[in-house]
Amino acid sequence: MATIFDGRAFARAREDALYHKIAHSGKMPIMATILVGQDPASKLYVGLKQKAAARVGAQMDIYEYPEAISKEELERKIEDLAADATLHGIMIQLPLPKSLRVFTSEIINKIPKHLDVDGLREDSPFVPATARAVMSILEEAGKRRKISKDSYFVVVGARGVIGSQIVKVLSDSGYEVGEVIHKMTPDVFIKETQAADVLISATGRPGIIRGQHIKKGAIVIDVGSPRGDVDFDEVVKLASFITPVPGGVGPVTVVSLLENLVESSS
């Protein structure tokens, strides 16, 4: 029977630790979050982050801009925020609207690296929030099923922004990582996923991971958003540890962002 990870309970415990750390320091961490456009999912995620920040004693100010904002104007807004010495972090809610998406890397790089608490710049001093969340969850999974340097990791969606960050963090930690993309032929796709001791999926393609893709006893971490990559009902019968969607990686990613913010304010 698989252990079903409770990301909400796990995140609450981390939030409690942050609350006490901030209270002890006597210094309120402050972050600016940029939201472009009216995407309902993005607005929901930003709201959840703002509420989590308030729970730990931090401040998150949301700066909303219309979808029609130009790249140049958005970059000027970022530069203006970066000049505010009271801020400890700046983040941009992704994805950006289609008109700006091709410029995502350029826009992110306008955030000074010492304020890039989401860890999206290549030279950021912070571990990307989602990758940090995955590593925290792996540590928890390792209490139930042994994970060693001989364990084989497979990241589905390895060429995406989130997937590539996860691959890098795992590789830097000394793990052997196989990279899988959805354009592989079905037989190659299944061969790779079935070899995984730890399978992490970050494609945003609902149901792409089914029971036939899983090695019995594997650890399965679903980073797909907003509906999840994993067919939970099928995979839970085979996995030894699995994260649900919602309530799995998402809450841990939010608290990981706040952990980065607190480190930035220290």
C-alpha atoms as a PDB file:
ATOM      1  CA  MET A   1       0.000   0.000   0.000  1.00  0.00           C
ATOM      2  CA  ALA A   2       1.446   3.353  -1.039  1.00  0.00           C
ATOM      3  CA  THR A   3       2.139   6.141   1.409  1.00  0.00           C
ATOM      4  CA  ILE A   4       0.105   9.132   0.223  1.00  0.00           C
ATOM      5  CA  PHE A   5       2.069  12.272   1.007  1.00  0.00           C
ATOM      6  CA  ASP A   6       0.126  14.995   2.826  1.00  0.00           C
ATOM      7  CA  GLY A   7       1.678  18.151   1.440  1.00  0.00           C
ATOM      8  CA  ARG A   8      -0.627  20.442   3.373  1.00  0.00           C
ATOM      9  CA  ALA A   9       0.332  18.981   6.759  1.00  0.00           C
ATOM     10  CA  PHE A  10       4.015  18.920   5.787  1.00  0.00           C
ATOM     11  CA  ALA A  11       3.864  22.576   4.691  1.00  0.00           C
ATOM     12  CA  ARG A  12       2.069  23.620   7.894  1.00  0.00           C
ATOM     13  CA  ALA A  13       4.904  22.207   9.974  1.00  0.00           C
ATOM     14  CA  ARG A  14       7.449  24.100   7.863  1.00  0.00           C
ATOM     15  CA  GLU A  15       5.365  27.269   8.137  1.00  0.00           C
ATOM     16  CA  ASP A  16       5.325  26.920  11.919  1.00  0.00           C
ATOM     17  CA  ALA A  17       9.114  26.712  11.961  1.00  0.00           C
ATOM     18  CA  LEU A  18       9.351  29.818   9.758  1.00  0.00           C
ATOM     19  CA  TYR A  19       6.905  31.708  11.963  1.00  0.00           C
ATOM     20  CA  HIS A  20       9.079  31.141  15.017  1.00  0.00           C
ATOM     21  CA  LYS A  21      12.248  31.970  13.094  1.00  0.00           C
ATOM     22  CA  ILE A  22      10.816  35.281  11.877  1.00  0.00           C
ATOM     23  CA  ALA A  23       9.390  36.131  15.303  1.00  0.00           C
ATOM     24  CA  HIS A  24      12.753  35.446  16.921  1.00  0.00           C
ATOM     25  CA  SER A  25      14.579  37.641  14.384  1.00  0.00           C
ATOM     26  CA  GLY A  26      12.209  40.572  14.873  1.00  0.00           C
ATOM     27  CA  LYS A  27      12.551  41.377  11.159  1.00  0.00           C
ATOM     28  CA  MET A  28       9.640  41.075   8.749  1.00  0.00           C
ATOM     29  CA  PRO A  29      10.643  39.676   5.325  1.00  0.00           C
ATOM     30  CA  ILE A  30       9.004  41.595   2.478  1.00  0.00           C
ATOM     31  CA  MET A  31       8.481  40.345  -1.062  1.00  0.00           C
ATOM     32  CA  ALA A  32       6.990  41.840  -4.200  1.00  0.00           C
ATOM     33  CA  THR A  33       5.041  39.554  -6.526  1.00  0.00           C
ATOM     34  CA  ILE A  34       4.320  40.625 -10.086  1.00  0.00           C
ATOM     35  CA  LEU A  35       1.122  39.354 -11.706  1.00  0.00           C
ATOM     36  CA  VAL A  36       0.531  40.111 -15.372  1.00  0.00           C
ATOM     37  CA  GLY A  37      -2.921  39.537 -16.836  1.00  0.00           C
ATOM     38  CA  GLN A  38      -6.049  37.911 -15.421  1.00  0.00           C
ATOM     39  CA  ASP A  39      -5.312  34.186 -15.629  1.00  0.00           C
ATOM     40  CA  PRO A  40      -7.540  32.605 -12.934  1.00  0.00           C
ATOM     41  CA  ALA A  41      -4.994  29.927 -11.959  1.00  0.00           C
ATOM     42  CA  SER A  42      -2.214  32.508 -11.590  1.00  0.00           C
ATOM     43  CA  LYS A  43      -4.444  34.747  -9.481  1.00  0.00           C
ATOM     44  CA  LEU A  44      -5.317  31.765  -7.292  1.00  0.00           C
ATOM     45  CA  TYR A  45      -1.664  30.780  -6.792  1.00  0.00           C
ATOM     46  CA  VAL A  46      -0.615  34.339  -5.952  1.00  0.00           C
ATOM     47  CA  GLY A  47      -3.420  34.594  -3.426  1.00  0.00           C
ATOM     48  CA  LEU A  48      -2.347  31.339  -1.767  1.00  0.00           C
ATOM     49  CA  LYS A  49       1.230  32.584  -1.526  1.00  0.00           C
ATOM     50  CA  GLN A  50       0.121  35.872  -0.007  1.00  0.00           C
ATOM     51  CA  LYS A  51      -1.950  34.078   2.644  1.00  0.00           C
ATOM     52  CA  ALA A  52       0.929  31.725   3.454  1.00  0.00           C
ATOM     53  CA  ALA A  53       3.281  34.695   3.806  1.00  0.00           C
ATOM     54  CA  ALA A  54       0.898  36.331   6.280  1.00  0.00           C
ATOM     55  CA  ARG A  55       0.698  33.109   8.314  1.00  0.00           C
ATOM     56  CA  VAL A  56       4.463  33.031   8.875  1.00  0.00           C
ATOM     57  CA  GLY A  57       4.751  36.751   9.600  1.00  0.00           C
ATOM     58  CA  ALA A  58       6.076  37.879   6.221  1.00  0.00           C
ATOM     59  CA  GLN A  59       4.629  40.469   3.838  1.00  0.00           C
ATOM     60  CA  MET A  60       3.858  39.831   0.187  1.00  0.00           C
ATOM     61  CA  ASP A  61       2.755  42.806  -1.904  1.00  0.00           C
ATOM     62  CA  ILE A  62       1.101  42.021  -5.235  1.00  0.00           C
ATOM     63  CA  TYR A  63       1.701  44.278  -8.222  1.00  0.00           C
ATOM     64  CA  GLU A  64      -0.859  43.628 -10.962  1.00  0.00           C
ATOM     65  CA  TYR A  65      -0.338  44.750 -14.540  1.00  0.00           C
ATOM     66  CA  PRO A  66      -2.547  44.388 -17.633  1.00  0.00           C
ATOM     67  CA  GLU A  67      -1.888  41.673 -20.190  1.00  0.00           C
ATOM     68  CA  ALA A  68      -1.160  44.384 -22.761  1.00  0.00           C
ATOM     69  CA  ILE A  69       1.875  45.723 -20.865  1.00  0.00           C
ATOM     70  CA  SER A  70       4.967  45.848 -23.068  1.00  0.00           C
ATOM     71  CA  LYS A  71       8.188  43.996 -22.299  1.00  0.00           C
ATOM     72  CA  GLU A  72      10.014  47.303 -21.856  1.00  0.00           C
ATOM     73  CA  GLU A  73       7.440  48.722 -19.452  1.00  0.00           C
ATOM     74  CA  LEU A  74       7.380  45.525 -17.379  1.00  0.00           C
ATOM     75  CA  GLU A  75      11.166  45.581 -17.156  1.00  0.00           C
ATOM     76  CA  ARG A  76      11.027  49.194 -15.945  1.00  0.00           C
ATOM     77  CA  LYS A  77       8.533  48.178 -13.256  1.00  0.00           C
ATOM     78  CA  ILE A  78      10.935  45.464 -12.103  1.00  0.00           C
ATOM     79  CA  GLU A  79      13.823  47.920 -12.013  1.00  0.00           C
ATOM     80  CA  ASP A  80      11.730  50.335  -9.930  1.00  0.00           C
ATOM     81  CA  LEU A  81      10.927  47.572  -7.434  1.00  0.00           C
ATOM     82  CA  ALA A  82      14.562  46.485  -7.296  1.00  0.00           C
ATOM     83  CA  ALA A  83      15.500  49.998  -6.201  1.00  0.00           C
ATOM     84  CA  ASP A  84      13.374  49.599  -3.067  1.00  0.00           C
ATOM     85  CA  ALA A  85      15.857  48.798  -0.308  1.00  0.00           C
ATOM     86  CA  THR A  86      13.099  47.449   1.973  1.00  0.00           C
ATOM     87  CA  LEU A  87      12.414  44.470  -0.302  1.00  0.00           C
ATOM     88  CA  HIS A  88      14.011  41.077   0.318  1.00  0.00           C
ATOM     89  CA  GLY A  89      12.608  39.348  -2.746  1.00  0.00           C
ATOM     90  CA  ILE A  90      10.898  39.823  -6.103  1.00  0.00           C
ATOM     91  CA  MET A  91       9.098  37.125  -8.059  1.00  0.00           C
ATOM     92  CA  ILE A  92       7.057  36.977 -11.259  1.00  0.00           C
ATOM     93  CA  GLN A  93       4.070  34.663 -11.414  1.00  0.00           C
ATOM     94  CA  LEU A  94       4.488  32.357 -14.399  1.00  0.00           C
ATOM     95  CA  PRO A  95       3.463  31.692 -17.052  1.00  0.00           C
ATOM     96  CA  LEU A  96       3.417  35.173 -18.503  1.00  0.00           C
ATOM     97  CA  PRO A  97       0.760  36.014 -21.128  1.00  0.00           C
ATOM     98  CA  LYS A  98       1.497  34.712 -24.630  1.00  0.00           C
ATOM     99  CA  SER A  99       2.655  38.119 -25.865  1.00  0.00           C
ATOM    100  CA  LEU A 100       5.456  38.133 -23.278  1.00  0.00           C
ATOM    101  CA  ARG A 101       6.194  34.426 -22.905  1.00  0.00           C
ATOM    102  CA  VAL A 102       9.007  34.367 -25.453  1.00  0.00           C
ATOM    103  CA  PHE A 103      10.800  37.005 -23.335  1.00  0.00           C
ATOM    104  CA  THR A 104      10.403  35.149 -20.016  1.00  0.00           C
ATOM    105  CA  SER A 105      14.135  34.593 -19.443  1.00  0.00           C
ATOM    106  CA  GLU A 106      15.015  38.186 -20.286  1.00  0.00           C
ATOM    107  CA  ILE A 107      12.333  39.528 -17.967  1.00  0.00           C
ATOM    108  CA  ILE A 108      13.329  37.239 -15.100  1.00  0.00           C
ATOM    109  CA  ASN A 109      16.952  38.331 -15.487  1.00  0.00           C
ATOM    110  CA  LYS A 110      15.885  41.887 -14.700  1.00  0.00           C
ATOM    111  CA  ILE A 111      15.367  40.729 -11.118  1.00  0.00           C
ATOM    112  CA  PRO A 112      18.683  41.218  -9.254  1.00  0.00           C
ATOM    113  CA  LYS A 113      20.002  37.787  -8.344  1.00  0.00           C
ATOM    114  CA  HIS A 114      20.058  38.552  -4.613  1.00  0.00           C
ATOM    115  CA  LEU A 115      16.294  39.202  -4.808  1.00  0.00           C
ATOM    116  CA  ASP A 116      15.448  36.202  -7.016  1.00  0.00           C
ATOM    117  CA  VAL A 117      13.836  34.172  -4.228  1.00  0.00           C
ATOM    118  CA  ASP A 118      12.009  31.973  -6.747  1.00  0.00           C
ATOM    119  CA  GLY A 119      15.432  30.819  -7.971  1.00  0.00           C
ATOM    120  CA  LEU A 120      14.661  31.277 -11.661  1.00  0.00           C
ATOM    121  CA  ARG A 121      17.842  33.008 -12.808  1.00  0.00           C
ATOM    122  CA  GLU A 122      20.653  30.667 -13.822  1.00  0.00           C
ATOM    123  CA  ASP A 123      22.976  32.462 -11.393  1.00  0.00           C
ATOM    124  CA  SER A 124      20.437  32.723  -8.578  1.00  0.00           C
ATOM    125  CA  PRO A 125      21.834  31.969  -5.107  1.00  0.00           C
ATOM    126  CA  PHE A 126      18.520  30.309  -4.229  1.00  0.00           C
ATOM    127  CA  VAL A 127      17.347  26.791  -5.083  1.00  0.00           C
ATOM    128  CA  PRO A 128      14.250  27.115  -7.305  1.00  0.00           C
ATOM    129  CA  ALA A 129      11.182  26.838  -5.088  1.00  0.00           C
ATOM    130  CA  THR A 130       9.666  23.815  -6.848  1.00  0.00           C
ATOM    131  CA  ALA A 131      12.977  21.953  -6.966  1.00  0.00           C
ATOM    132  CA  ARG A 132      13.525  22.736  -3.286  1.00  0.00           C
ATOM    133  CA  ALA A 133      10.055  21.345  -2.577  1.00  0.00           C
ATOM    134  CA  VAL A 134      10.844  18.139  -4.486  1.00  0.00           C
ATOM    135  CA  MET A 135      14.057  17.658  -2.517  1.00  0.00           C
ATOM    136  CA  SER A 136      12.197  18.158   0.766  1.00  0.00           C
ATOM    137  CA  ILE A 137       9.580  15.598  -0.278  1.00  0.00           C
ATOM    138  CA  LEU A 138      12.293  13.140  -1.303  1.00  0.00           C
ATOM    139  CA  GLU A 139      13.831  13.487   2.138  1.00  0.00           C
ATOM    140  CA  GLU A 140      10.453  12.594   3.635  1.00  0.00           C
ATOM    141  CA  ALA A 141       9.979   9.687   1.212  1.00  0.00           C
ATOM    142  CA  GLY A 142      13.428   8.408   2.156  1.00  0.00           C
ATOM    143  CA  LYS A 143      12.186   7.806   5.684  1.00  0.00           C
ATOM    144  CA  ARG A 144       9.857   5.148   4.291  1.00  0.00           C
ATOM    145  CA  ARG A 145      11.752   3.743   1.320  1.00  0.00           C
ATOM    146  CA  LYS A 146      15.518   3.762   0.929  1.00  0.00           C
ATOM    147  CA  ILE A 147      16.895   6.270  -1.568  1.00  0.00           C
ATOM    148  CA  SER A 148      20.593   5.980  -2.352  1.00  0.00           C
ATOM    149  CA  LYS A 149      23.076   7.225  -4.927  1.00  0.00           C
ATOM    150  CA  ASP A 150      22.345   3.988  -6.799  1.00  0.00           C
ATOM    151  CA  SER A 151      18.667   4.890  -7.126  1.00  0.00           C
ATOM    152  CA  TYR A 152      17.656   5.770 -10.670  1.00  0.00           C
ATOM    153  CA  PHE A 153      15.679   8.984 -11.070  1.00  0.00           C
ATOM    154  CA  VAL A 154      13.592   9.810 -14.114  1.00  0.00           C
ATOM    155  CA  VAL A 155      12.215  13.308 -14.730  1.00  0.00           C
ATOM    156  CA  VAL A 156       9.370  13.479 -17.232  1.00  0.00           C
ATOM    157  CA  GLY A 157       9.180  16.911 -18.819  1.00  0.00           C
ATOM    158  CA  ALA A 158      12.905  17.405 -18.316  1.00  0.00           C
ATOM    159  CA  ARG A 159      13.192  20.066 -21.026  1.00  0.00           C
ATOM    160  CA  GLY A 160      10.651  22.394 -19.428  1.00  0.00           C
ATOM    161  CA  VAL A 161      11.525  25.222 -17.051  1.00  0.00           C
ATOM    162  CA  ILE A 162      10.525  23.319 -13.907  1.00  0.00           C
ATOM    163  CA  GLY A 163      11.736  19.926 -15.133  1.00  0.00           C
ATOM    164  CA  SER A 164      15.170  21.222 -16.075  1.00  0.00           C
ATOM    165  CA  GLN A 165      15.568  22.846 -12.653  1.00  0.00           C
ATOM    166  CA  ILE A 166      14.704  19.565 -10.944  1.00  0.00           C
ATOM    167  CA  VAL A 167      17.178  17.666 -13.139  1.00  0.00           C
ATOM    168  CA  LYS A 168      19.934  20.127 -12.247  1.00  0.00           C
ATOM    169  CA  VAL A 169      19.308  19.975  -8.494  1.00  0.00           C
ATOM    170  CA  LEU A 170      19.203  16.161  -8.530  1.00  0.00           C
ATOM    171  CA  SER A 171      22.340  15.917 -10.671  1.00  0.00           C
ATOM    172  CA  ASP A 172      24.152  18.410  -8.436  1.00  0.00           C
ATOM    173  CA  SER A 173      23.181  16.194  -5.493  1.00  0.00           C
ATOM    174  CA  GLY A 174      24.923  13.236  -7.117  1.00  0.00           C
ATOM    175  CA  TYR A 175      21.934  11.242  -8.362  1.00  0.00           C
ATOM    176  CA  GLU A 176      21.741   9.489 -11.723  1.00  0.00           C
ATOM    177  CA  VAL A 177      18.946  11.152 -13.665  1.00  0.00           C
ATOM    178  CA  GLY A 178      17.234  10.027 -16.846  1.00  0.00           C
ATOM    179  CA  GLU A 179      15.461  12.729 -18.836  1.00  0.00           C
ATOM    180  CA  VAL A 180      12.159  11.947 -20.544  1.00  0.00           C
ATOM    181  CA  ILE A 181      10.125  14.122 -22.899  1.00  0.00           C
ATOM    182  CA  HIS A 182       6.618  13.474 -24.148  1.00  0.00           C
ATOM    183  CA  LYS A 183       7.774  13.416 -27.794  1.00  0.00           C
ATOM    184  CA  MET A 184       9.572  10.096 -27.265  1.00  0.00           C
ATOM    185  CA  THR A 185       7.994   7.093 -28.929  1.00  0.00           C
ATOM    186  CA  PRO A 186       5.602   5.218 -26.587  1.00  0.00           C
ATOM    187  CA  ASP A 187       7.891   2.199 -26.229  1.00  0.00           C
ATOM    188  CA  VAL A 188      10.932   4.321 -25.294  1.00  0.00           C
ATOM    189  CA  PHE A 189       8.786   6.441 -22.958  1.00  0.00           C
ATOM    190  CA  ILE A 190       7.504   3.382 -21.086  1.00  0.00           C
ATOM    191  CA  LYS A 191      10.945   1.741 -20.986  1.00  0.00           C
ATOM    192  CA  GLU A 192      12.437   4.798 -19.298  1.00  0.00           C
ATOM    193  CA  THR A 193       9.641   5.414 -16.808  1.00  0.00           C
ATOM    194  CA  GLN A 194       9.452   1.720 -15.819  1.00  0.00           C
ATOM    195  CA  ALA A 195      13.166   1.818 -14.960  1.00  0.00           C
ATOM    196  CA  ALA A 196      12.710   4.606 -12.426  1.00  0.00           C
ATOM    197  CA  ASP A 197      13.120   4.027  -8.718  1.00  0.00           C
ATOM    198  CA  VAL A 198      11.977   7.635  -8.370  1.00  0.00           C
ATOM    199  CA  LEU A 199       9.683   9.071 -11.037  1.00  0.00           C
ATOM    200  CA  ILE A 200       9.085  12.824 -11.106  1.00  0.00           C
ATOM    201  CA  SER A 201       6.688  14.261 -13.667  1.00  0.00           C
ATOM    202  CA  ALA A 202       6.455  17.969 -14.529  1.00  0.00           C
ATOM    203  CA  THR A 203       4.732  18.225 -17.907  1.00  0.00           C
ATOM    204  CA  GLY A 204       1.372  19.812 -17.125  1.00  0.00           C
ATOM    205  CA  ARG A 205      -0.261  17.084 -19.241  1.00  0.00           C
ATOM    206  CA  PRO A 206      -3.035  15.493 -17.177  1.00  0.00           C
ATOM    207  CA  GLY A 207      -2.924  11.701 -16.972  1.00  0.00           C
ATOM    208  CA  ILE A 208       0.283  11.266 -18.977  1.00  0.00           C
ATOM    209  CA  ILE A 209       1.636   8.894 -16.292  1.00  0.00           C
ATOM    210  CA  ARG A 210      -0.445   5.734 -15.880  1.00  0.00           C
ATOM    211  CA  GLY A 211      -0.003   2.420 -14.151  1.00  0.00           C
ATOM    212  CA  GLN A 212       1.839   0.900 -17.120  1.00  0.00           C
ATOM    213  CA  HIS A 213       4.603   3.490 -16.701  1.00  0.00           C
ATOM    214  CA  ILE A 214       5.470   2.592 -13.098  1.00  0.00           C
ATOM    215  CA  LYS A 215       7.950   0.170 -11.577  1.00  0.00           C
ATOM    216  CA  LYS A 216       6.334  -1.563  -8.617  1.00  0.00           C
ATOM    217  CA  GLY A 217       7.448   0.128  -5.411  1.00  0.00           C
ATOM    218  CA  ALA A 218       8.608   3.339  -7.105  1.00  0.00           C
ATOM    219  CA  ILE A 219       8.420   6.763  -5.494  1.00  0.00           C
ATOM    220  CA  VAL A 220       6.202   8.992  -7.652  1.00  0.00           C
ATOM    221  CA  ILE A 221       6.216  12.786  -7.351  1.00  0.00           C
ATOM    222  CA  ASP A 222       3.613  14.648  -9.402  1.00  0.00           C
ATOM    223  CA  VAL A 223       4.639  18.227 -10.175  1.00  0.00           C
ATOM    224  CA  GLY A 224       2.007  18.640 -12.897  1.00  0.00           C
ATOM    225  CA  SER A 225      -0.191  21.689 -12.586  1.00  0.00           C
ATOM    226  CA  PRO A 226      -3.027  22.387 -12.169  1.00  0.00           C
ATOM    227  CA  ARG A 227      -4.602  18.924 -12.526  1.00  0.00           C
ATOM    228  CA  GLY A 228      -1.598  16.645 -12.163  1.00  0.00           C
ATOM    229  CA  ASP A 229       0.343  14.453 -14.596  1.00  0.00           C
ATOM    230  CA  VAL A 230      -0.379  11.178 -12.810  1.00  0.00           C
ATOM    231  CA  ASP A 231      -3.450   8.969 -13.091  1.00  0.00           C
ATOM    232  CA  PHE A 232      -3.600   8.688  -9.321  1.00  0.00           C
ATOM    233  CA  ASP A 233      -6.095   5.823  -9.087  1.00  0.00           C
ATOM    234  CA  GLU A 234      -3.910   3.594 -11.261  1.00  0.00           C
ATOM    235  CA  VAL A 235      -0.492   4.592  -9.982  1.00  0.00           C
ATOM    236  CA  VAL A 236      -1.308   4.481  -6.255  1.00  0.00           C
ATOM    237  CA  LYS A 237      -1.738   0.704  -6.593  1.00  0.00           C
ATOM    238  CA  LEU A 238       1.894   0.298  -7.679  1.00  0.00           C
ATOM    239  CA  ALA A 239       3.868   3.081  -6.022  1.00  0.00           C
ATOM    240  CA  SER A 240       5.375   2.897  -2.541  1.00  0.00           C
ATOM    241  CA  PHE A 241       5.071   6.666  -2.063  1.00  0.00           C
ATOM    242  CA  ILE A 242       3.019   9.144  -4.093  1.00  0.00           C
ATOM    243  CA  THR A 243       2.128  12.832  -4.011  1.00  0.00           C
ATOM    244  CA  PRO A 244      -1.478  13.750  -4.844  1.00  0.00           C
ATOM    245  CA  VAL A 245      -2.726  16.746  -6.807  1.00  0.00           C
ATOM    246  CA  PRO A 246      -3.928  18.941  -5.227  1.00  0.00           C
ATOM    247  CA  GLY A 247      -2.363  18.849  -1.787  1.00  0.00           C
ATOM    248  CA  GLY A 248       1.029  17.386  -2.679  1.00  0.00           C
ATOM    249  CA  VAL A 249       3.917  19.360  -4.170  1.00  0.00           C
ATOM    250  CA  GLY A 250       1.976  22.656  -4.409  1.00  0.00           C
ATOM    251  CA  PRO A 251       1.813  23.597  -0.705  1.00  0.00           C
ATOM    252  CA  VAL A 252       5.449  22.590  -0.232  1.00  0.00           C
ATOM    253  CA  THR A 253       6.516  24.795  -3.151  1.00  0.00           C
ATOM    254  CA  VAL A 254       4.838  27.788  -1.515  1.00  0.00           C
ATOM    255  CA  VAL A 255       6.593  27.245   1.814  1.00  0.00           C
ATOM    256  CA  SER A 256       9.889  26.617  -0.028  1.00  0.00           C
ATOM    257  CA  LEU A 257       9.534  30.055  -1.635  1.00  0.00           C
ATOM    258  CA  LEU A 258       9.007  31.548   1.820  1.00  0.00           C
ATOM    259  CA  GLU A 259      12.062  29.699   3.152  1.00  0.00           C
ATOM    260  CA  ASN A 260      14.094  31.336   0.384  1.00  0.00           C
ATOM    261  CA  LEU A 261      12.604  34.715   1.304  1.00  0.00           C
ATOM    262  CA  VAL A 262      13.545  34.300   4.953  1.00  0.00           C
ATOM    263  CA  GLU A 263      17.089  33.340   3.955  1.00  0.00           C
ATOM    264  CA  SER A 264      17.249  36.475   1.795  1.00  0.00           C
ATOM    265  CA  SER A 265      16.160  38.664   4.710  1.00  0.00           C
ATOM    266  CA  SER A 266      18.690  37.191   7.160  1.00  0.00           C
END
